[in-house]
């Protein structure tokens, strides 16, 4: 090997070792120019053991640290118990980070917690309240750092809607409405597409009228894996669960079915 080739090879090897030591950089992160592959795995509803197992594989770790962030349901104890039960069959280290905290008991910053894990699952619940709390606490900015570092993000319902620019929500009184999300994923999202009767007609109305950007609708038990803003895989845990891309054509909403692969 020529000296020039040896120097370059050694430098790249040292850089790879350094990246492996950096907190928050997934073992399988695609790194070029310091940028990791940004990953989000969503479901329309029911982020069960199969989705958590798939998230674990996306981290590239043999025993990944997966953290549950139940802000949207006000840190409900039963949701945390359900999280641990869903993780029990898997070779993962399940963690929970509450958002309703006090400095007397929370001695680590949001960045110290959220950037030290391999995957983050946001709970279902009230998306509007979730967004308000995350922004007030600065959690939204840390989540963006996590995404940029290759930490896998995900969730269902409010936990899927939160990553998009906008979508349909039941977070307000009386009727379904529009909510703004973090905007990591461009366009809109509608969860619970097959389980809540008002979701599909409202989503069609908003997209057909131009009030909402085109986007992705997911049935319960069906979801999408994104790298950056590219759909890499469409998955489901139920035979008839589907994913749709809904766009505007001539003033009408048009559905395109994205047939999922089964995961278990």
C-alpha atoms as a PDB file:
ATOM      1  CA  UNK A   1       0.000   0.000   0.000  1.00  0.00           C
ATOM      2  CA  UNK A   2       1.330   3.437  -0.888  1.00  0.00           C
ATOM      3  CA  UNK A   3       1.939   5.907   1.946  1.00  0.00           C
ATOM      4  CA  UNK A   4      -0.863   8.260   0.762  1.00  0.00           C
ATOM      5  CA  UNK A   5      -3.379   5.380   0.638  1.00  0.00           C
ATOM      6  CA  UNK A   6      -2.236   4.202   4.088  1.00  0.00           C
ATOM      7  CA  UNK A   7      -2.711   7.659   5.645  1.00  0.00           C
ATOM      8  CA  UNK A   8      -6.200   8.049   4.176  1.00  0.00           C
ATOM      9  CA  UNK A   9      -7.201   4.527   5.231  1.00  0.00           C
ATOM     10  CA  UNK A  10      -5.916   5.081   8.779  1.00  0.00           C
ATOM     11  CA  UNK A  11      -7.724   8.406   9.071  1.00  0.00           C
ATOM     12  CA  UNK A  12     -11.026   6.877   7.937  1.00  0.00           C
ATOM     13  CA  UNK A  13     -10.588   3.999  10.346  1.00  0.00           C
ATOM     14  CA  UNK A  14      -9.934   6.365  13.247  1.00  0.00           C
ATOM     15  CA  UNK A  15     -12.978   8.414  12.289  1.00  0.00           C
ATOM     16  CA  UNK A  16     -15.166   5.290  12.230  1.00  0.00           C
ATOM     17  CA  UNK A  17     -13.929   4.302  15.695  1.00  0.00           C
ATOM     18  CA  UNK A  18     -14.634   7.789  16.996  1.00  0.00           C
ATOM     19  CA  UNK A  19     -18.172   7.742  15.592  1.00  0.00           C
ATOM     20  CA  UNK A  20     -18.762   4.423  17.322  1.00  0.00           C
ATOM     21  CA  UNK A  21     -17.934   6.074  20.667  1.00  0.00           C
ATOM     22  CA  UNK A  22     -20.129   9.111  20.219  1.00  0.00           C
ATOM     23  CA  UNK A  23     -23.353   8.968  22.271  1.00  0.00           C
ATOM     24  CA  UNK A  24     -26.511   8.754  20.210  1.00  0.00           C
ATOM     25  CA  UNK A  25     -24.879   7.449  17.027  1.00  0.00           C
ATOM     26  CA  UNK A  26     -26.475   4.119  16.127  1.00  0.00           C
ATOM     27  CA  UNK A  27     -24.134   1.228  15.352  1.00  0.00           C
ATOM     28  CA  UNK A  28     -25.569   0.893  11.848  1.00  0.00           C
ATOM     29  CA  UNK A  29     -25.832   4.626  11.158  1.00  0.00           C
ATOM     30  CA  UNK A  30     -24.796   5.513   7.622  1.00  0.00           C
ATOM     31  CA  UNK A  31     -22.221   8.219   8.178  1.00  0.00           C
ATOM     32  CA  UNK A  32     -20.831  10.459   5.444  1.00  0.00           C
ATOM     33  CA  UNK A  33     -19.513  13.900   6.150  1.00  0.00           C
ATOM     34  CA  UNK A  34     -20.636  13.471   9.777  1.00  0.00           C
ATOM     35  CA  UNK A  35     -24.326  12.859   8.949  1.00  0.00           C
ATOM     36  CA  UNK A  36     -26.144   9.748  10.184  1.00  0.00           C
ATOM     37  CA  UNK A  37     -29.128   8.122   8.474  1.00  0.00           C
ATOM     38  CA  UNK A  38     -32.282   9.655   9.985  1.00  0.00           C
ATOM     39  CA  UNK A  39     -34.907   7.012  10.793  1.00  0.00           C
ATOM     40  CA  UNK A  40     -38.565   7.089  11.815  1.00  0.00           C
ATOM     41  CA  UNK A  41     -40.885   4.069  12.165  1.00  0.00           C
ATOM     42  CA  UNK A  42     -44.572   4.914  12.602  1.00  0.00           C
ATOM     43  CA  UNK A  43     -47.862   3.052  12.896  1.00  0.00           C
ATOM     44  CA  UNK A  44     -51.450   4.267  12.617  1.00  0.00           C
ATOM     45  CA  UNK A  45     -52.260   2.666  15.949  1.00  0.00           C
ATOM     46  CA  UNK A  46     -51.115  -0.171  18.214  1.00  0.00           C
ATOM     47  CA  UNK A  47     -47.335   0.114  18.423  1.00  0.00           C
ATOM     48  CA  UNK A  48     -46.992  -3.428  19.674  1.00  0.00           C
ATOM     49  CA  UNK A  49     -44.157  -5.896  20.223  1.00  0.00           C
ATOM     50  CA  UNK A  50     -43.735  -6.487  16.471  1.00  0.00           C
ATOM     51  CA  UNK A  51     -43.132  -2.783  15.788  1.00  0.00           C
ATOM     52  CA  UNK A  52     -40.783  -2.512  18.759  1.00  0.00           C
ATOM     53  CA  UNK A  53     -38.875  -5.565  17.509  1.00  0.00           C
ATOM     54  CA  UNK A  54     -38.533  -3.947  14.079  1.00  0.00           C
ATOM     55  CA  UNK A  55     -37.332  -0.699  15.668  1.00  0.00           C
ATOM     56  CA  UNK A  56     -34.738  -2.683  17.598  1.00  0.00           C
ATOM     57  CA  UNK A  57     -33.342  -4.153  14.373  1.00  0.00           C
ATOM     58  CA  UNK A  58     -33.138  -0.673  12.841  1.00  0.00           C
ATOM     59  CA  UNK A  59     -30.765   0.441  15.598  1.00  0.00           C
ATOM     60  CA  UNK A  60     -28.187  -2.161  14.610  1.00  0.00           C
ATOM     61  CA  UNK A  61     -27.499  -2.932  18.278  1.00  0.00           C
ATOM     62  CA  UNK A  62     -27.612  -6.420  19.798  1.00  0.00           C
ATOM     63  CA  UNK A  63     -29.407  -5.091  22.892  1.00  0.00           C
ATOM     64  CA  UNK A  64     -30.597  -1.569  22.129  1.00  0.00           C
ATOM     65  CA  UNK A  65     -31.808   0.951  24.663  1.00  0.00           C
ATOM     66  CA  UNK A  66     -35.371   1.873  23.706  1.00  0.00           C
ATOM     67  CA  UNK A  67     -37.037   4.732  25.525  1.00  0.00           C
ATOM     68  CA  UNK A  68     -40.762   5.383  25.921  1.00  0.00           C
ATOM     69  CA  UNK A  69     -41.826   9.050  26.031  1.00  0.00           C
ATOM     70  CA  UNK A  70     -45.456   9.158  27.275  1.00  0.00           C
ATOM     71  CA  UNK A  71     -45.943  12.938  27.191  1.00  0.00           C
ATOM     72  CA  UNK A  72     -49.122  12.757  25.083  1.00  0.00           C
ATOM     73  CA  UNK A  73     -50.953  10.660  27.681  1.00  0.00           C
ATOM     74  CA  UNK A  74     -49.717  12.747  30.641  1.00  0.00           C
ATOM     75  CA  UNK A  75     -47.279  10.037  31.784  1.00  0.00           C
ATOM     76  CA  UNK A  76     -50.033   7.549  32.558  1.00  0.00           C
ATOM     77  CA  UNK A  77     -48.789   4.644  34.667  1.00  0.00           C
ATOM     78  CA  UNK A  78     -50.768   2.021  32.735  1.00  0.00           C
ATOM     79  CA  UNK A  79     -49.102   3.056  29.464  1.00  0.00           C
ATOM     80  CA  UNK A  80     -45.668   2.607  31.041  1.00  0.00           C
ATOM     81  CA  UNK A  81     -46.630  -0.847  32.316  1.00  0.00           C
ATOM     82  CA  UNK A  82     -47.915  -1.757  28.844  1.00  0.00           C
ATOM     83  CA  UNK A  83     -44.601  -0.567  27.376  1.00  0.00           C
ATOM     84  CA  UNK A  84     -42.566  -2.846  29.631  1.00  0.00           C
ATOM     85  CA  UNK A  85     -44.886  -5.773  28.838  1.00  0.00           C
ATOM     86  CA  UNK A  86     -44.526  -5.185  25.086  1.00  0.00           C
ATOM     87  CA  UNK A  87     -40.730  -5.115  25.427  1.00  0.00           C
ATOM     88  CA  UNK A  88     -40.526  -8.172  27.715  1.00  0.00           C
ATOM     89  CA  UNK A  89     -40.179 -10.795  24.920  1.00  0.00           C
ATOM     90  CA  UNK A  90     -37.404  -8.814  23.226  1.00  0.00           C
ATOM     91  CA  UNK A  91     -33.679  -8.479  23.786  1.00  0.00           C
ATOM     92  CA  UNK A  92     -33.886  -4.749  24.489  1.00  0.00           C
ATOM     93  CA  UNK A  93     -33.315  -2.471  27.462  1.00  0.00           C
ATOM     94  CA  UNK A  94     -36.645  -0.676  27.949  1.00  0.00           C
ATOM     95  CA  UNK A  95     -36.605   2.770  29.523  1.00  0.00           C
ATOM     96  CA  UNK A  96     -39.208   5.448  30.294  1.00  0.00           C
ATOM     97  CA  UNK A  97     -38.810   9.216  30.481  1.00  0.00           C
ATOM     98  CA  UNK A  98     -41.630  11.172  32.060  1.00  0.00           C
ATOM     99  CA  UNK A  99     -42.252  14.785  31.056  1.00  0.00           C
ATOM    100  CA  UNK A 100     -44.111  15.848  34.194  1.00  0.00           C
ATOM    101  CA  UNK A 101     -41.005  16.079  36.366  1.00  0.00           C
ATOM    102  CA  UNK A 102     -39.381  18.135  39.140  1.00  0.00           C
ATOM    103  CA  UNK A 103     -35.745  19.166  39.309  1.00  0.00           C
ATOM    104  CA  UNK A 104     -35.532  17.597  42.771  1.00  0.00           C
ATOM    105  CA  UNK A 105     -35.976  14.151  41.225  1.00  0.00           C
ATOM    106  CA  UNK A 106     -34.804  14.682  37.617  1.00  0.00           C
ATOM    107  CA  UNK A 107     -31.054  15.167  37.798  1.00  0.00           C
ATOM    108  CA  UNK A 108     -30.256  14.667  34.088  1.00  0.00           C
ATOM    109  CA  UNK A 109     -31.026  17.079  31.270  1.00  0.00           C
ATOM    110  CA  UNK A 110     -33.292  16.166  28.363  1.00  0.00           C
ATOM    111  CA  UNK A 111     -30.260  15.898  26.106  1.00  0.00           C
ATOM    112  CA  UNK A 112     -28.435  13.599  28.534  1.00  0.00           C
ATOM    113  CA  UNK A 113     -31.413  11.238  28.566  1.00  0.00           C
ATOM    114  CA  UNK A 114     -32.713  11.334  24.999  1.00  0.00           C
ATOM    115  CA  UNK A 115     -29.339  11.314  23.268  1.00  0.00           C
ATOM    116  CA  UNK A 116     -28.066   8.339  25.274  1.00  0.00           C
ATOM    117  CA  UNK A 117     -30.509   5.783  23.813  1.00  0.00           C
ATOM    118  CA  UNK A 118     -30.869   3.957  20.499  1.00  0.00           C
ATOM    119  CA  UNK A 119     -34.595   4.426  19.900  1.00  0.00           C
ATOM    120  CA  UNK A 120     -37.415   6.661  21.178  1.00  0.00           C
ATOM    121  CA  UNK A 121     -41.118   5.732  21.045  1.00  0.00           C
ATOM    122  CA  UNK A 122     -43.639   8.523  21.604  1.00  0.00           C
ATOM    123  CA  UNK A 123     -46.944   7.471  23.159  1.00  0.00           C
ATOM    124  CA  UNK A 124     -50.450   7.982  21.874  1.00  0.00           C
ATOM    125  CA  UNK A 125     -52.706  10.565  23.490  1.00  0.00           C
ATOM    126  CA  UNK A 126     -53.277  14.286  23.018  1.00  0.00           C
ATOM    127  CA  UNK A 127     -50.967  15.548  20.251  1.00  0.00           C
ATOM    128  CA  UNK A 128     -51.712  19.219  20.875  1.00  0.00           C
ATOM    129  CA  UNK A 129     -50.715  18.980  24.546  1.00  0.00           C
ATOM    130  CA  UNK A 130     -47.693  16.857  23.670  1.00  0.00           C
ATOM    131  CA  UNK A 131     -46.405  19.491  21.233  1.00  0.00           C
ATOM    132  CA  UNK A 132     -46.969  22.325  23.714  1.00  0.00           C
ATOM    133  CA  UNK A 133     -45.057  20.537  26.470  1.00  0.00           C
ATOM    134  CA  UNK A 134     -42.212  19.460  24.218  1.00  0.00           C
ATOM    135  CA  UNK A 135     -41.746  23.012  22.964  1.00  0.00           C
ATOM    136  CA  UNK A 136     -41.985  24.551  26.437  1.00  0.00           C
ATOM    137  CA  UNK A 137     -39.366  22.125  27.758  1.00  0.00           C
ATOM    138  CA  UNK A 138     -37.094  22.218  24.706  1.00  0.00           C
ATOM    139  CA  UNK A 139     -37.664  18.493  24.136  1.00  0.00           C
ATOM    140  CA  UNK A 140     -38.559  19.200  20.494  1.00  0.00           C
ATOM    141  CA  UNK A 141     -35.052  20.502  19.815  1.00  0.00           C
ATOM    142  CA  UNK A 142     -33.409  17.521  21.506  1.00  0.00           C
ATOM    143  CA  UNK A 143     -35.582  15.129  19.491  1.00  0.00           C
ATOM    144  CA  UNK A 144     -34.334  16.815  16.319  1.00  0.00           C
ATOM    145  CA  UNK A 145     -30.769  16.228  17.495  1.00  0.00           C
ATOM    146  CA  UNK A 146     -31.634  12.585  18.176  1.00  0.00           C
ATOM    147  CA  UNK A 147     -33.064  12.212  14.659  1.00  0.00           C
ATOM    148  CA  UNK A 148     -29.970  13.829  13.146  1.00  0.00           C
ATOM    149  CA  UNK A 149     -27.734  11.432  15.082  1.00  0.00           C
ATOM    150  CA  UNK A 150     -29.449   8.310  13.792  1.00  0.00           C
ATOM    151  CA  UNK A 151     -31.440   7.493  16.917  1.00  0.00           C
ATOM    152  CA  UNK A 152     -34.574   5.730  15.641  1.00  0.00           C
ATOM    153  CA  UNK A 153     -37.808   7.626  16.377  1.00  0.00           C
ATOM    154  CA  UNK A 154     -41.330   6.245  16.255  1.00  0.00           C
ATOM    155  CA  UNK A 155     -44.755   5.700  17.735  1.00  0.00           C
ATOM    156  CA  UNK A 156     -48.425   5.383  16.871  1.00  0.00           C
ATOM    157  CA  UNK A 157     -51.378   7.795  16.954  1.00  0.00           C
ATOM    158  CA  UNK A 158     -50.037  10.960  18.613  1.00  0.00           C
ATOM    159  CA  UNK A 159     -46.707   9.147  18.507  1.00  0.00           C
ATOM    160  CA  UNK A 160     -46.832   8.989  14.703  1.00  0.00           C
ATOM    161  CA  UNK A 161     -48.589  12.282  14.028  1.00  0.00           C
ATOM    162  CA  UNK A 162     -46.014  14.274  16.010  1.00  0.00           C
ATOM    163  CA  UNK A 163     -43.215  13.753  13.475  1.00  0.00           C
ATOM    164  CA  UNK A 164     -45.118  15.246  10.501  1.00  0.00           C
ATOM    165  CA  UNK A 165     -45.795  18.855   9.554  1.00  0.00           C
ATOM    166  CA  UNK A 166     -49.529  18.485  10.193  1.00  0.00           C
ATOM    167  CA  UNK A 167     -52.392  16.057  10.469  1.00  0.00           C
ATOM    168  CA  UNK A 168     -55.827  15.259  11.862  1.00  0.00           C
ATOM    169  CA  UNK A 169     -56.282  15.083  15.625  1.00  0.00           C
ATOM    170  CA  UNK A 170     -58.892  14.549  18.329  1.00  0.00           C
ATOM    171  CA  UNK A 171     -56.922  16.789  20.713  1.00  0.00           C
ATOM    172  CA  UNK A 172     -59.589  19.512  20.901  1.00  0.00           C
ATOM    173  CA  UNK A 173     -63.204  19.424  22.153  1.00  0.00           C
ATOM    174  CA  UNK A 174     -66.191  18.475  20.009  1.00  0.00           C
ATOM    175  CA  UNK A 175     -64.635  17.460  16.674  1.00  0.00           C
ATOM    176  CA  UNK A 176     -61.556  16.345  14.795  1.00  0.00           C
ATOM    177  CA  UNK A 177     -59.288  19.194  13.727  1.00  0.00           C
ATOM    178  CA  UNK A 178     -55.848  20.063  12.354  1.00  0.00           C
ATOM    179  CA  UNK A 179     -52.720  19.932  14.488  1.00  0.00           C
ATOM    180  CA  UNK A 180     -49.162  21.010  13.679  1.00  0.00           C
ATOM    181  CA  UNK A 181     -46.306  18.624  14.396  1.00  0.00           C
ATOM    182  CA  UNK A 182     -42.525  18.839  14.544  1.00  0.00           C
ATOM    183  CA  UNK A 183     -42.153  18.738  10.759  1.00  0.00           C
ATOM    184  CA  UNK A 184     -39.351  16.186  10.591  1.00  0.00           C
ATOM    185  CA  UNK A 185     -41.435  14.328   7.992  1.00  0.00           C
ATOM    186  CA  UNK A 186     -42.832  16.551   5.249  1.00  0.00           C
ATOM    187  CA  UNK A 187     -46.536  16.604   4.463  1.00  0.00           C
ATOM    188  CA  UNK A 188     -49.451  15.347   6.531  1.00  0.00           C
ATOM    189  CA  UNK A 189     -50.540  12.241   8.400  1.00  0.00           C
ATOM    190  CA  UNK A 190     -53.772  10.596   9.468  1.00  0.00           C
ATOM    191  CA  UNK A 191     -53.615   7.777  12.054  1.00  0.00           C
ATOM    192  CA  UNK A 192     -56.460   5.360  12.932  1.00  0.00           C
ATOM    193  CA  UNK A 193     -57.625   5.496   9.321  1.00  0.00           C
ATOM    194  CA  UNK A 194     -59.775   2.377   9.557  1.00  0.00           C
ATOM    195  CA  UNK A 195     -60.840   2.537  13.207  1.00  0.00           C
ATOM    196  CA  UNK A 196     -62.296   6.025  13.776  1.00  0.00           C
ATOM    197  CA  UNK A 197     -65.141   6.843  11.344  1.00  0.00           C
ATOM    198  CA  UNK A 198     -64.478  10.584  11.081  1.00  0.00           C
ATOM    199  CA  UNK A 199     -60.832  10.302  10.117  1.00  0.00           C
ATOM    200  CA  UNK A 200     -61.056   9.303   6.444  1.00  0.00           C
ATOM    201  CA  UNK A 201     -63.743  11.799   5.311  1.00  0.00           C
ATOM    202  CA  UNK A 202     -62.049  14.714   7.092  1.00  0.00           C
ATOM    203  CA  UNK A 203     -58.639  13.826   5.662  1.00  0.00           C
ATOM    204  CA  UNK A 204     -60.134  13.652   2.157  1.00  0.00           C
ATOM    205  CA  UNK A 205     -61.933  16.974   2.643  1.00  0.00           C
ATOM    206  CA  UNK A 206     -58.842  18.794   3.895  1.00  0.00           C
ATOM    207  CA  UNK A 207     -56.521  17.465   1.195  1.00  0.00           C
ATOM    208  CA  UNK A 208     -59.079  17.823  -1.595  1.00  0.00           C
ATOM    209  CA  UNK A 209     -59.691  21.469  -0.672  1.00  0.00           C
ATOM    210  CA  UNK A 210     -56.003  22.246  -0.356  1.00  0.00           C
ATOM    211  CA  UNK A 211     -56.306  23.065   3.353  1.00  0.00           C
ATOM    212  CA  UNK A 212     -53.891  20.252   4.193  1.00  0.00           C
ATOM    213  CA  UNK A 213     -50.811  18.973   2.401  1.00  0.00           C
ATOM    214  CA  UNK A 214     -50.858  15.510   0.813  1.00  0.00           C
ATOM    215  CA  UNK A 215     -49.614  12.759   3.058  1.00  0.00           C
ATOM    216  CA  UNK A 216     -49.845   9.293   4.525  1.00  0.00           C
ATOM    217  CA  UNK A 217     -52.817   7.615   6.179  1.00  0.00           C
ATOM    218  CA  UNK A 218     -52.259   4.472   8.229  1.00  0.00           C
ATOM    219  CA  UNK A 219     -54.733   1.924   9.480  1.00  0.00           C
ATOM    220  CA  UNK A 220     -54.209   0.585  12.976  1.00  0.00           C
ATOM    221  CA  UNK A 221     -51.534  -2.146  12.889  1.00  0.00           C
ATOM    222  CA  UNK A 222     -49.991  -0.724   9.702  1.00  0.00           C
ATOM    223  CA  UNK A 223     -47.071   1.639   9.381  1.00  0.00           C
ATOM    224  CA  UNK A 224     -44.159   3.116   7.455  1.00  0.00           C
ATOM    225  CA  UNK A 225     -40.409   3.147   7.909  1.00  0.00           C
ATOM    226  CA  UNK A 226     -38.823   6.386   6.673  1.00  0.00           C
ATOM    227  CA  UNK A 227     -35.205   7.244   6.063  1.00  0.00           C
ATOM    228  CA  UNK A 228     -35.080  11.025   5.973  1.00  0.00           C
ATOM    229  CA  UNK A 229     -38.322  11.656   4.038  1.00  0.00           C
ATOM    230  CA  UNK A 230     -38.138   8.577   1.838  1.00  0.00           C
ATOM    231  CA  UNK A 231     -40.484   5.638   2.379  1.00  0.00           C
ATOM    232  CA  UNK A 232     -38.201   2.617   2.724  1.00  0.00           C
ATOM    233  CA  UNK A 233     -40.693  -0.018   3.828  1.00  0.00           C
ATOM    234  CA  UNK A 234     -44.434  -0.306   4.438  1.00  0.00           C
ATOM    235  CA  UNK A 235     -45.346  -2.871   7.110  1.00  0.00           C
ATOM    236  CA  UNK A 236     -48.277  -4.311   9.030  1.00  0.00           C
ATOM    237  CA  UNK A 237     -49.044  -6.817  11.771  1.00  0.00           C
ATOM    238  CA  UNK A 238     -52.572  -7.578  10.500  1.00  0.00           C
ATOM    239  CA  UNK A 239     -53.554  -9.011   7.129  1.00  0.00           C
ATOM    240  CA  UNK A 240     -56.110  -6.354   6.163  1.00  0.00           C
ATOM    241  CA  UNK A 241     -54.272  -3.337   7.600  1.00  0.00           C
ATOM    242  CA  UNK A 242     -53.150  -0.902   4.913  1.00  0.00           C
ATOM    243  CA  UNK A 243     -51.250   2.323   4.297  1.00  0.00           C
ATOM    244  CA  UNK A 244     -52.351   5.001   1.813  1.00  0.00           C
ATOM    245  CA  UNK A 245     -50.783   7.994   0.160  1.00  0.00           C
ATOM    246  CA  UNK A 246     -53.489  10.636  -0.228  1.00  0.00           C
ATOM    247  CA  UNK A 247     -52.923  13.461  -2.709  1.00  0.00           C
ATOM    248  CA  UNK A 248     -54.934  16.187  -4.449  1.00  0.00           C
ATOM    249  CA  UNK A 249     -55.937  15.734  -8.094  1.00  0.00           C
ATOM    250  CA  UNK A 250     -58.237  18.304  -9.702  1.00  0.00           C
ATOM    251  CA  UNK A 251     -59.721  19.438  -6.415  1.00  0.00           C
ATOM    252  CA  UNK A 252     -60.365  15.902  -5.153  1.00  0.00           C
ATOM    253  CA  UNK A 253     -58.497  13.659  -2.732  1.00  0.00           C
ATOM    254  CA  UNK A 254     -57.123  10.512  -4.343  1.00  0.00           C
ATOM    255  CA  UNK A 255     -55.920   7.460  -2.402  1.00  0.00           C
ATOM    256  CA  UNK A 256     -53.065   5.255  -3.511  1.00  0.00           C
ATOM    257  CA  UNK A 257     -52.757   2.001  -1.576  1.00  0.00           C
ATOM    258  CA  UNK A 258     -49.244   1.161  -0.380  1.00  0.00           C
ATOM    259  CA  UNK A 259     -49.365  -2.595   0.182  1.00  0.00           C
ATOM    260  CA  UNK A 260     -47.516  -3.537   3.374  1.00  0.00           C
ATOM    261  CA  UNK A 261     -45.252  -6.457   4.220  1.00  0.00           C
ATOM    262  CA  UNK A 262     -46.194  -8.478   7.299  1.00  0.00           C
ATOM    263  CA  UNK A 263     -43.924  -8.243  10.332  1.00  0.00           C
ATOM    264  CA  UNK A 264     -44.186 -10.195  13.557  1.00  0.00           C
END
